[in-house]
Amino acid sequence: MRITFHGATRQVTGSAHLLEIGDSRILLDCGLFDSDRIDPASQNRRLEFDPHTLDAVVVSHAHNDHIGRLPFLVKQGYKGDIYATPATADITSIMLRDSARIQREDVRLAHVRHPNIEAPDPLFELFDVEWMVERLVRVPYEQPREIAPGVFLTYRDAGHVLGSAIVQIDYEEEGRPRRFVFTGDLGRRNTGLLPDPAIVKDVDVLVCESTYGDKELEPYEKLMKQLHAIVARAIRLGGKIVIPAFSLGRTQRMVYCLQELFATTKLRPIPIYVDSPLATRLTEIHRDHPDAYTPEARALMDRDPLYFGSKHVEYCMSFEDSRRLNYQRGPMVVISSSGMCEAGRIRHHLRHVVSDPDNAIVIVSYQAEDTLGRKISEGVERIQILDNWYDLNAAVYVLDGFSGHADRADLAWWFEQTGGGIEHGFLVHGEPGPMDALVPVLQRFVKNPVRTPDLHESFEV
């Protein structure tokens, strides 16, 4: 088998890995790089392989850094099947339609700001998404599917977000069985909402994420105590809590955690507003897949069939509803996107809360370097939001333990559960520091030297 890494190499975006097994060519993920989608020189516009030669595409989960270029792949000529779990397929169609609309709006705004410069076309249009959606093939967890001659795909629950999967590929080479495993993004253990990541045994080749390879995050029980204290403070002071959160996964997790807090403690419930049209649509998908959750989460939902939207939770679709929240008095919680505060409605909420010490900003998502969210989490004295500068007087809490990514301890536990004996190990989806820190942890279970590939680097394994 030959594997070529076309993304997420010493970075956390652009996931795309090409497997060549005999005469079969299988692409794992086709995600966006973290760059301007309408930049004509962007990495997102370059495929370093011929889409016509692919036999199958296998998707791990529906975050844009894993699915964001699928319509572009189809636009460039791919005509085969795209495999995903049922929940991932449902989410993918919503995420990518939203992405197409945003790109078209980006082009329009670029033309308004620079009328004398011809704006490039979007990476893909809405009709490209519709062509892509027609290629989706739903594969449930734990049900092997032959995706190429003699090559079998099995999805295992990754526990990262709804529908996320560990990709297990089984095939024969020179008469003996071989097993390749791509973790996608592994979730944390004991988080209450989603199951722990599934364990895979008898692994020959492993490609693993490394987002938090250098860090151990707070356990769930301690996070809930911290969240309790933050909500109690808001009730006491009459303040607002603003939570920047990704539309998929983090928003639903925070709604769940707040609801659990109100259901299991003596805290007075306060209003929760989810101000993100995309998160609102994705939450409907979460309601459609109740079997995806832990027994504890299902028990809470059975007591409240509208658990993601009970009397304490309101979803804001219109701009008027969003703007109304800025002038509403606390205590209250506003969950809005984007998770790194670089775009979306969250910036308008931050403008209205950032200078008041009675308010709180709670960071629960990974914050990349040079983003507004990173600056807030580092406690700078002044921040620029849109075109204005503000004093950062609001209380800032960093609860990155709510992340959907496994930390160093979770990854070490998962490696150990595989039973070891792995022939080849590769680390992807991580910045250089966390990735390099995880190498010795994985090396204990791998026979050959663990590799951290460069972009477009290939290996025979």
Protein backbone atom coordinates (compact mmCIF):
# COMPACT_ATOMS: atom_id res chain seq x y z
CA MET A 1 0.00 0.00 0.00
CA ARG A 2 1.08 3.52 -0.75
CA ILE A 3 -0.19 6.55 1.16
CA THR A 4 0.24 10.19 0.15
CA PHE A 5 -0.61 13.02 2.53
CA HIS A 6 -2.23 15.92 0.65
CA GLY A 7 -3.29 17.96 3.70
CA ALA A 8 -3.39 18.32 7.50
CA THR A 9 0.40 17.85 7.54
CA ARG A 10 1.91 19.73 10.50
CA GLN A 11 -1.26 21.83 10.49
CA VAL A 12 -4.89 21.22 11.41
CA THR A 13 -6.67 21.97 8.14
CA GLY A 14 -6.98 20.54 4.64
CA SER A 15 -7.39 16.86 5.56
CA ALA A 16 -6.86 14.70 2.43
CA HIS A 17 -4.97 11.40 2.30
CA LEU A 18 -4.68 9.21 -0.79
CA LEU A 19 -4.45 5.43 -0.42
CA GLU A 20 -3.27 3.22 -3.27
CA ILE A 21 -4.07 -0.44 -2.59
CA GLY A 22 -3.22 -2.58 -5.60
CA ASP A 23 -4.97 -0.90 -8.52
CA SER A 24 -7.46 0.95 -6.30
CA ARG A 25 -7.15 4.63 -5.36
CA ILE A 26 -9.13 5.80 -2.33
CA LEU A 27 -9.21 9.37 -0.99
CA LEU A 28 -9.77 9.87 2.73
CA ASP A 29 -11.44 13.28 3.31
CA CYS A 30 -11.18 16.34 1.09
CA GLY A 31 -11.10 19.30 3.46
CA LEU A 32 -10.54 23.02 3.22
CA PHE A 33 -7.22 24.58 4.07
CA ASP A 34 -7.38 27.57 6.39
CA SER A 35 -7.01 30.21 3.71
CA ASP A 36 -9.13 32.59 1.68
CA ARG A 37 -11.60 30.49 -0.29
CA ILE A 38 -11.85 33.03 -3.09
CA ASP A 39 -8.10 33.60 -3.35
CA PRO A 40 -7.14 32.34 -6.83
CA ALA A 41 -3.73 31.28 -5.52
CA SER A 42 -5.20 29.36 -2.58
CA GLN A 43 -4.15 25.77 -1.88
CA ASN A 44 -7.85 24.98 -1.94
CA ARG A 45 -7.89 25.38 -5.73
CA ARG A 46 -5.11 22.85 -6.34
CA LEU A 47 -5.60 19.09 -6.34
CA GLU A 48 -2.31 17.23 -6.54
CA PHE A 49 -4.02 14.15 -7.98
CA ASP A 50 -6.39 13.41 -10.86
CA PRO A 51 -9.99 13.14 -9.57
CA HIS A 52 -10.90 10.95 -12.55
CA THR A 53 -8.57 8.20 -11.29
CA LEU A 54 -10.17 7.85 -7.85
CA ASP A 55 -12.23 4.74 -7.11
CA ALA A 56 -13.81 5.97 -3.87
CA VAL A 57 -13.88 8.86 -1.40
CA VAL A 58 -14.29 8.11 2.31
CA VAL A 59 -15.31 10.90 4.70
CA SER A 60 -14.48 10.77 8.42
CA HIS A 61 -16.84 13.54 9.61
CA ALA A 62 -18.54 16.74 8.54
CA HIS A 63 -16.26 19.55 9.70
CA ASN A 64 -15.15 21.81 6.86
CA ASP A 65 -11.47 20.96 7.28
CA HIS A 66 -12.48 17.40 6.32
CA ILE A 67 -15.31 17.91 3.77
CA GLY A 68 -14.95 21.50 2.55
CA ARG A 69 -13.54 20.70 -0.91
CA LEU A 70 -15.83 17.78 -1.81
CA PRO A 71 -17.94 19.90 -4.22
CA PHE A 72 -14.74 21.19 -5.82
CA LEU A 73 -13.58 17.58 -6.24
CA VAL A 74 -16.82 16.75 -8.07
CA LYS A 75 -16.53 19.98 -10.07
CA GLN A 76 -13.06 18.84 -11.20
CA GLY A 77 -14.41 15.55 -12.53
CA TYR A 78 -14.83 12.99 -9.74
CA LYS A 79 -17.78 10.73 -10.57
CA GLY A 80 -17.57 7.96 -7.97
CA ASP A 81 -19.21 7.32 -4.62
CA ILE A 82 -18.58 9.40 -1.50
CA TYR A 83 -18.98 7.28 1.63
CA ALA A 84 -20.13 8.72 4.97
CA THR A 85 -22.09 7.69 8.03
CA PRO A 86 -25.81 8.59 7.81
CA ALA A 87 -25.49 11.52 10.24
CA THR A 88 -22.35 12.81 8.49
CA ALA A 89 -24.14 12.66 5.13
CA ASP A 90 -27.06 14.68 6.53
CA ILE A 91 -24.75 17.27 8.07
CA THR A 92 -22.47 17.48 5.02
CA SER A 93 -25.30 18.56 2.75
CA ILE A 94 -26.22 21.41 5.12
CA MET A 95 -22.64 22.52 5.80
CA LEU A 96 -21.63 22.67 2.15
CA ARG A 97 -24.78 24.43 0.95
CA ASP A 98 -24.05 27.05 3.59
CA SER A 99 -20.42 27.24 2.42
CA ALA A 100 -21.49 27.80 -1.19
CA ARG A 101 -23.76 30.67 -0.16
CA ILE A 102 -21.00 32.26 1.93
CA GLN A 103 -18.52 32.06 -0.94
CA ARG A 104 -20.95 33.69 -3.36
CA GLU A 105 -21.48 36.48 -0.80
CA ASP A 106 -17.70 36.82 -0.33
CA VAL A 107 -17.33 37.37 -4.08
CA ARG A 108 -20.11 39.97 -4.07
CA LEU A 109 -18.49 41.87 -1.19
CA ALA A 110 -15.07 41.71 -2.85
CA HIS A 111 -16.56 43.33 -5.94
CA VAL A 112 -18.21 46.07 -3.83
CA ARG A 113 -14.97 46.85 -1.97
CA HIS A 114 -12.75 46.70 -5.06
CA PRO A 115 -14.97 47.47 -8.08
CA ASN A 116 -12.00 47.90 -10.41
CA ILE A 117 -10.58 44.46 -9.63
CA GLU A 118 -12.23 41.41 -11.13
CA ALA A 119 -13.31 39.10 -8.32
CA PRO A 120 -12.45 35.42 -8.79
CA ASP A 121 -15.17 32.80 -8.95
CA PRO A 122 -16.12 30.89 -5.79
CA LEU A 123 -14.39 27.59 -5.18
CA PHE A 124 -17.72 25.96 -5.98
CA GLU A 125 -21.35 26.92 -6.51
CA LEU A 126 -24.58 25.60 -5.01
CA PHE A 127 -25.20 23.36 -8.02
CA ASP A 128 -21.79 21.72 -7.46
CA VAL A 129 -22.95 20.89 -3.94
CA GLU A 130 -26.13 19.30 -5.31
CA TRP A 131 -24.07 17.14 -7.69
CA MET A 132 -21.87 16.15 -4.77
CA VAL A 133 -24.83 15.28 -2.52
CA GLU A 134 -26.09 12.85 -5.16
CA ARG A 135 -22.84 10.91 -4.80
CA LEU A 136 -23.19 10.37 -1.02
CA VAL A 137 -23.52 6.74 0.09
CA ARG A 138 -24.62 6.20 3.70
CA VAL A 139 -22.73 3.50 5.62
CA PRO A 140 -23.78 2.85 9.25
CA TYR A 141 -21.27 2.12 12.00
CA GLU A 142 -19.94 -1.44 12.28
CA GLN A 143 -21.28 -2.58 8.87
CA PRO A 144 -18.41 -3.51 6.50
CA ARG A 145 -18.83 -2.30 2.92
CA GLU A 146 -16.72 -3.26 -0.12
CA ILE A 147 -15.68 0.04 -1.70
CA ALA A 148 -13.17 -1.33 -4.22
CA PRO A 149 -12.32 -4.89 -5.30
CA GLY A 150 -11.16 -6.67 -2.14
CA VAL A 151 -11.11 -3.44 -0.10
CA PHE A 152 -13.58 -3.19 2.79
CA LEU A 153 -14.59 -0.08 4.76
CA THR A 154 -15.87 -0.26 8.34
CA TYR A 155 -16.86 2.88 10.22
CA ARG A 156 -16.28 2.92 14.00
CA ASP A 157 -17.66 5.67 16.25
CA ALA A 158 -14.99 8.35 16.88
CA GLY A 159 -16.97 10.24 19.55
CA HIS A 160 -15.85 13.63 18.17
CA VAL A 161 -19.09 15.07 16.77
CA LEU A 162 -22.37 13.54 15.65
CA GLY A 163 -21.62 11.00 12.90
CA SER A 164 -17.84 11.18 13.27
CA ALA A 165 -16.01 7.98 12.42
CA ILE A 166 -12.75 6.13 12.70
CA VAL A 167 -12.05 4.77 9.21
CA GLN A 168 -11.04 1.10 9.15
CA ILE A 169 -9.86 -0.31 5.81
CA ASP A 170 -9.32 -4.08 5.51
CA TYR A 171 -7.68 -5.77 2.52
CA GLU A 172 -5.28 -8.56 1.62
CA GLU A 173 -1.68 -8.13 0.53
CA GLU A 174 0.41 -11.07 -0.66
CA GLY A 175 -2.14 -13.46 0.79
CA ARG A 176 -2.30 -12.03 4.31
CA PRO A 177 -4.90 -9.72 5.87
CA ARG A 178 -3.93 -6.10 6.44
CA ARG A 179 -5.71 -3.36 8.39
CA PHE A 180 -5.31 0.38 7.86
CA VAL A 181 -6.89 2.80 10.36
CA PHE A 182 -7.42 6.56 10.05
CA THR A 183 -8.71 8.06 13.28
CA GLY A 184 -10.25 11.14 11.70
CA ASP A 185 -10.73 13.36 14.75
CA LEU A 186 -10.96 11.35 17.98
CA GLY A 187 -13.25 12.58 20.73
CA ARG A 188 -12.64 12.78 24.46
CA ARG A 189 -13.68 10.14 26.96
CA ASN A 190 -16.46 10.54 29.51
CA THR A 191 -17.98 13.71 28.07
CA GLY A 192 -21.61 12.88 28.80
CA LEU A 193 -23.12 13.49 25.36
CA LEU A 194 -21.33 11.21 22.87
CA PRO A 195 -19.87 7.73 23.44
CA ASP A 196 -16.15 7.21 23.98
CA PRO A 197 -14.14 6.50 20.80
CA ALA A 198 -14.41 2.90 19.64
CA ILE A 199 -11.38 0.66 20.07
CA VAL A 200 -9.78 -0.93 17.00
CA LYS A 201 -7.52 -3.97 17.35
CA ASP A 202 -5.01 -5.63 15.01
CA VAL A 203 -3.91 -2.38 13.36
CA ASP A 204 -1.09 -2.60 10.80
CA VAL A 205 -0.97 1.04 9.66
CA LEU A 206 -2.29 3.94 11.75
CA VAL A 207 -2.84 7.57 10.74
CA CYS A 208 -3.81 9.55 13.84
CA GLU A 209 -4.74 13.13 14.66
CA SER A 210 -2.60 15.10 17.13
CA THR A 211 -4.48 18.34 17.86
CA TYR A 212 -3.84 18.18 21.62
CA GLY A 213 -0.81 15.91 21.56
CA ASP A 214 1.00 18.10 24.09
CA LYS A 215 -1.83 18.90 26.48
CA GLU A 216 -4.03 17.25 29.09
CA LEU A 217 -7.44 18.90 29.37
CA GLU A 218 -9.67 19.23 32.43
CA PRO A 219 -11.97 16.26 33.15
CA TYR A 220 -15.67 16.67 32.44
CA GLU A 221 -16.70 16.76 36.11
CA LYS A 222 -14.33 19.65 36.86
CA LEU A 223 -15.49 21.54 33.77
CA MET A 224 -19.09 21.29 34.91
CA LYS A 225 -18.14 22.72 38.32
CA GLN A 226 -16.40 25.63 36.59
CA LEU A 227 -19.42 26.20 34.34
CA HIS A 228 -21.65 26.13 37.43
CA ALA A 229 -19.57 28.90 39.02
CA ILE A 230 -19.70 31.02 35.85
CA VAL A 231 -23.49 30.74 35.58
CA ALA A 232 -23.90 31.45 39.31
CA ARG A 233 -21.79 34.61 38.88
CA ALA A 234 -23.98 35.78 35.98
CA ILE A 235 -27.12 35.23 38.06
CA ARG A 236 -25.62 37.15 40.99
CA LEU A 237 -24.43 40.10 38.86
CA GLY A 238 -27.17 40.08 36.24
CA GLY A 239 -24.51 39.68 33.55
CA LYS A 240 -24.38 38.07 30.15
CA ILE A 241 -22.35 34.99 29.24
CA VAL A 242 -21.18 34.90 25.62
CA ILE A 243 -19.83 31.60 24.29
CA PRO A 244 -18.17 31.55 20.84
CA ALA A 245 -18.79 28.05 19.48
CA PHE A 246 -18.50 26.10 16.25
CA SER A 247 -21.91 25.47 14.67
CA LEU A 248 -21.34 21.72 14.54
CA GLY A 249 -20.59 19.86 17.73
CA ARG A 250 -19.57 22.55 20.20
CA THR A 251 -22.86 24.46 20.10
CA GLN A 252 -24.91 21.32 20.75
CA ARG A 253 -22.49 20.16 23.46
CA MET A 254 -22.76 23.48 25.32
CA VAL A 255 -26.56 23.46 25.12
CA TYR A 256 -26.49 19.93 26.52
CA CYS A 257 -24.09 20.86 29.35
CA LEU A 258 -26.10 23.91 30.37
CA GLN A 259 -29.33 21.92 30.32
CA GLU A 260 -27.69 19.20 32.41
CA LEU A 261 -26.51 21.85 34.85
CA PHE A 262 -30.03 23.20 35.32
CA ALA A 263 -31.50 19.69 35.59
CA THR A 264 -29.06 18.31 38.16
CA THR A 265 -28.23 21.30 40.41
CA LYS A 266 -30.12 23.98 42.32
CA LEU A 267 -29.12 26.69 39.85
CA ARG A 268 -32.00 28.81 38.63
CA PRO A 269 -32.38 28.22 34.87
CA ILE A 270 -31.58 31.30 32.80
CA PRO A 271 -32.35 31.85 29.11
CA ILE A 272 -30.00 30.25 26.56
CA TYR A 273 -29.94 31.81 23.10
CA VAL A 274 -28.34 30.01 20.16
CA ASP A 275 -27.66 32.75 17.64
CA SER A 276 -26.54 30.92 14.51
CA PRO A 277 -28.82 29.92 11.63
CA LEU A 278 -26.40 27.16 10.63
CA ALA A 279 -26.21 25.78 14.18
CA THR A 280 -30.00 25.86 14.33
CA ARG A 281 -30.31 23.73 11.20
CA LEU A 282 -27.61 21.35 12.44
CA THR A 283 -29.37 20.96 15.78
CA GLU A 284 -32.40 19.60 13.91
CA ILE A 285 -30.11 16.87 12.57
CA HIS A 286 -28.98 16.11 16.13
CA ARG A 287 -32.61 15.57 17.13
CA ASP A 288 -32.99 13.09 14.26
CA HIS A 289 -30.24 10.78 15.56
CA PRO A 290 -31.07 9.97 19.21
CA ASP A 291 -29.26 6.61 19.05
CA ALA A 292 -25.94 8.46 18.67
CA TYR A 293 -25.84 9.59 22.30
CA THR A 294 -24.80 8.02 25.58
CA PRO A 295 -27.48 6.32 27.72
CA GLU A 296 -27.22 9.19 30.22
CA ALA A 297 -27.85 11.78 27.51
CA ARG A 298 -30.75 9.78 26.08
CA ALA A 299 -32.32 9.58 29.55
CA LEU A 300 -32.24 13.37 29.87
CA MET A 301 -33.69 13.73 26.38
CA ASP A 302 -36.45 11.21 27.13
CA ARG A 303 -37.56 13.42 30.01
CA ASP A 304 -37.56 16.42 27.68
CA PRO A 305 -38.24 15.47 24.02
CA LEU A 306 -37.31 19.02 22.98
CA TYR A 307 -34.04 18.81 24.90
CA PHE A 308 -32.01 20.87 22.42
CA GLY A 309 -34.81 23.43 22.36
CA SER A 310 -36.74 23.38 25.63
CA LYS A 311 -38.42 26.34 27.29
CA HIS A 312 -34.96 27.54 28.38
CA VAL A 313 -33.43 27.49 24.86
CA GLU A 314 -34.31 29.81 21.99
CA TYR A 315 -32.83 29.64 18.49
CA CYS A 316 -32.37 32.92 16.63
CA MET A 317 -32.65 32.78 12.86
CA SER A 318 -33.29 36.38 11.83
CA PHE A 319 -30.92 39.31 12.15
CA GLU A 320 -33.64 41.16 14.06
CA ASP A 321 -33.74 38.41 16.71
CA SER A 322 -29.96 38.51 16.93
CA ARG A 323 -29.84 42.27 17.35
CA ARG A 324 -32.53 42.16 20.03
CA LEU A 325 -30.21 40.12 22.27
CA ASN A 326 -27.69 42.95 22.38
CA TYR A 327 -30.18 45.16 24.20
CA GLN A 328 -31.70 42.51 26.44
CA ARG A 329 -30.69 42.50 30.10
CA GLY A 330 -29.04 39.52 31.79
CA PRO A 331 -28.63 37.05 33.23
CA MET A 332 -28.55 35.09 30.00
CA VAL A 333 -26.30 32.92 27.84
CA VAL A 334 -25.61 33.60 24.16
CA ILE A 335 -23.95 30.86 22.09
CA SER A 336 -22.91 32.06 18.65
CA SER A 337 -20.46 31.41 15.84
CA SER A 338 -17.84 31.52 14.60
CA GLY A 339 -15.94 29.55 17.21
CA MET A 340 -12.74 31.56 16.73
CA CYS A 341 -14.60 34.92 16.60
CA GLU A 342 -13.30 35.67 13.11
CA ALA A 343 -16.70 36.02 11.44
CA GLY A 344 -20.41 35.71 12.04
CA ARG A 345 -22.77 37.14 14.63
CA ILE A 346 -20.45 36.46 17.57
CA ARG A 347 -18.50 39.64 16.82
CA HIS A 348 -21.59 41.80 17.33
CA HIS A 349 -22.32 40.14 20.67
CA LEU A 350 -18.72 40.62 21.78
CA ARG A 351 -18.90 44.34 20.99
CA HIS A 352 -21.79 44.71 23.43
CA VAL A 353 -20.38 42.67 26.33
CA VAL A 354 -16.61 43.03 26.18
CA SER A 355 -16.22 46.24 28.20
CA ASP A 356 -18.56 45.40 31.11
CA PRO A 357 -16.90 43.51 34.01
CA ASP A 358 -20.25 41.96 34.99
CA ASN A 359 -20.26 40.00 31.72
CA ALA A 360 -18.27 36.89 30.85
CA ILE A 361 -16.74 35.43 27.70
CA VAL A 362 -16.29 31.66 27.84
CA ILE A 363 -13.84 30.13 25.36
CA VAL A 364 -14.69 26.47 24.71
CA SER A 365 -13.18 25.94 21.25
CA TYR A 366 -9.68 25.58 19.84
CA GLN A 367 -8.30 29.04 18.98
CA ALA A 368 -5.78 29.24 16.16
CA GLU A 369 -2.93 31.73 16.26
CA ASP A 370 -3.70 35.34 15.31
CA THR A 371 -7.47 34.91 15.64
CA LEU A 372 -9.65 37.23 17.72
CA GLY A 373 -10.58 34.27 19.90
CA ARG A 374 -6.92 33.55 20.64
CA LYS A 375 -6.32 37.18 21.65
CA ILE A 376 -9.31 37.13 23.98
CA SER A 377 -8.23 33.83 25.53
CA GLU A 378 -4.74 35.26 26.15
CA GLY A 379 -6.24 38.20 28.05
CA VAL A 380 -5.01 41.15 26.01
CA GLU A 381 -6.08 44.54 27.40
CA ARG A 382 -7.68 45.86 24.19
CA ILE A 383 -9.15 44.08 21.19
CA GLN A 384 -10.28 45.19 17.76
CA ILE A 385 -13.74 44.03 16.72
CA LEU A 386 -14.71 44.97 13.18
CA ASP A 387 -13.40 48.55 12.85
CA ASN A 388 -13.37 49.61 16.51
CA TRP A 389 -11.16 49.03 19.56
CA TYR A 390 -12.56 47.98 22.95
CA ASP A 391 -11.20 47.51 26.47
CA LEU A 392 -11.39 43.85 27.48
CA ASN A 393 -13.02 44.23 30.92
CA ALA A 394 -15.37 41.25 30.81
CA ALA A 395 -14.29 38.15 32.72
CA VAL A 396 -12.65 35.62 30.39
CA TYR A 397 -12.77 31.89 31.10
CA VAL A 398 -10.94 29.32 28.98
CA LEU A 399 -12.64 25.92 29.29
CA ASP A 400 -10.89 24.14 26.44
CA GLY A 401 -11.71 20.82 28.08
CA PHE A 402 -15.06 21.09 26.31
CA SER A 403 -13.15 20.49 23.08
CA GLY A 404 -14.31 17.62 20.92
CA HIS A 405 -10.69 16.50 20.46
CA ALA A 406 -8.94 13.82 22.49
CA ASP A 407 -6.13 15.17 24.63
CA ARG A 408 -2.72 13.60 25.22
CA ALA A 409 -4.04 11.26 27.94
CA ASP A 410 -7.03 10.20 25.81
CA LEU A 411 -4.75 9.45 22.86
CA ALA A 412 -2.31 7.47 25.00
CA TRP A 413 -5.23 5.45 26.38
CA TRP A 414 -6.56 4.78 22.87
CA PHE A 415 -3.13 3.70 21.57
CA GLU A 416 -2.81 1.26 24.47
CA GLN A 417 -6.26 -0.20 23.81
CA THR A 418 -5.26 -1.12 20.25
CA GLY A 419 -2.96 -3.75 21.73
CA GLY A 420 0.16 -2.34 20.09
CA GLY A 421 2.10 -4.19 17.43
CA ILE A 422 1.35 -1.47 14.88
CA GLU A 423 3.79 -1.67 11.96
CA HIS A 424 3.63 1.95 10.76
CA GLY A 425 2.35 5.09 12.51
CA PHE A 426 1.77 8.58 11.12
CA LEU A 427 0.63 11.76 12.88
CA VAL A 428 -1.48 14.39 11.11
CA HIS A 429 -3.93 17.17 12.01
CA GLY A 430 -1.76 19.02 14.50
CA GLU A 431 0.54 22.00 14.80
CA PRO A 432 4.26 21.08 14.97
CA GLY A 433 4.52 21.41 18.77
CA PRO A 434 1.66 19.09 19.75
CA MET A 435 2.49 16.69 16.93
CA ASP A 436 6.15 16.33 17.91
CA ALA A 437 5.20 15.91 21.58
CA LEU A 438 2.92 12.99 20.69
CA VAL A 439 5.55 11.08 18.69
CA PRO A 440 7.17 9.33 21.71
CA VAL A 441 3.73 8.45 23.10
CA LEU A 442 2.69 6.67 19.90
CA GLN A 443 6.15 5.21 19.34
CA ARG A 444 5.69 2.84 22.30
CA PHE A 445 3.07 0.97 20.27
CA VAL A 446 4.66 1.14 16.79
CA LYS A 447 7.46 -1.05 15.44
CA ASN A 448 8.89 1.38 12.87
CA PRO A 449 9.72 5.07 13.47
CA VAL A 450 6.59 7.24 13.77
CA ARG A 451 6.44 9.77 10.94
CA THR A 452 5.08 13.33 10.77
CA PRO A 453 4.66 13.75 7.00
CA ASP A 454 5.29 16.83 4.94
CA LEU A 455 2.68 18.05 2.46
CA HIS A 456 2.35 15.67 -0.54
CA GLU A 457 4.88 13.23 0.95
CA SER A 458 4.34 9.55 0.05
CA PHE A 459 5.19 6.32 1.87
CA GLU A 460 5.15 2.64 0.95
CA VAL A 461 3.83 0.64 3.91
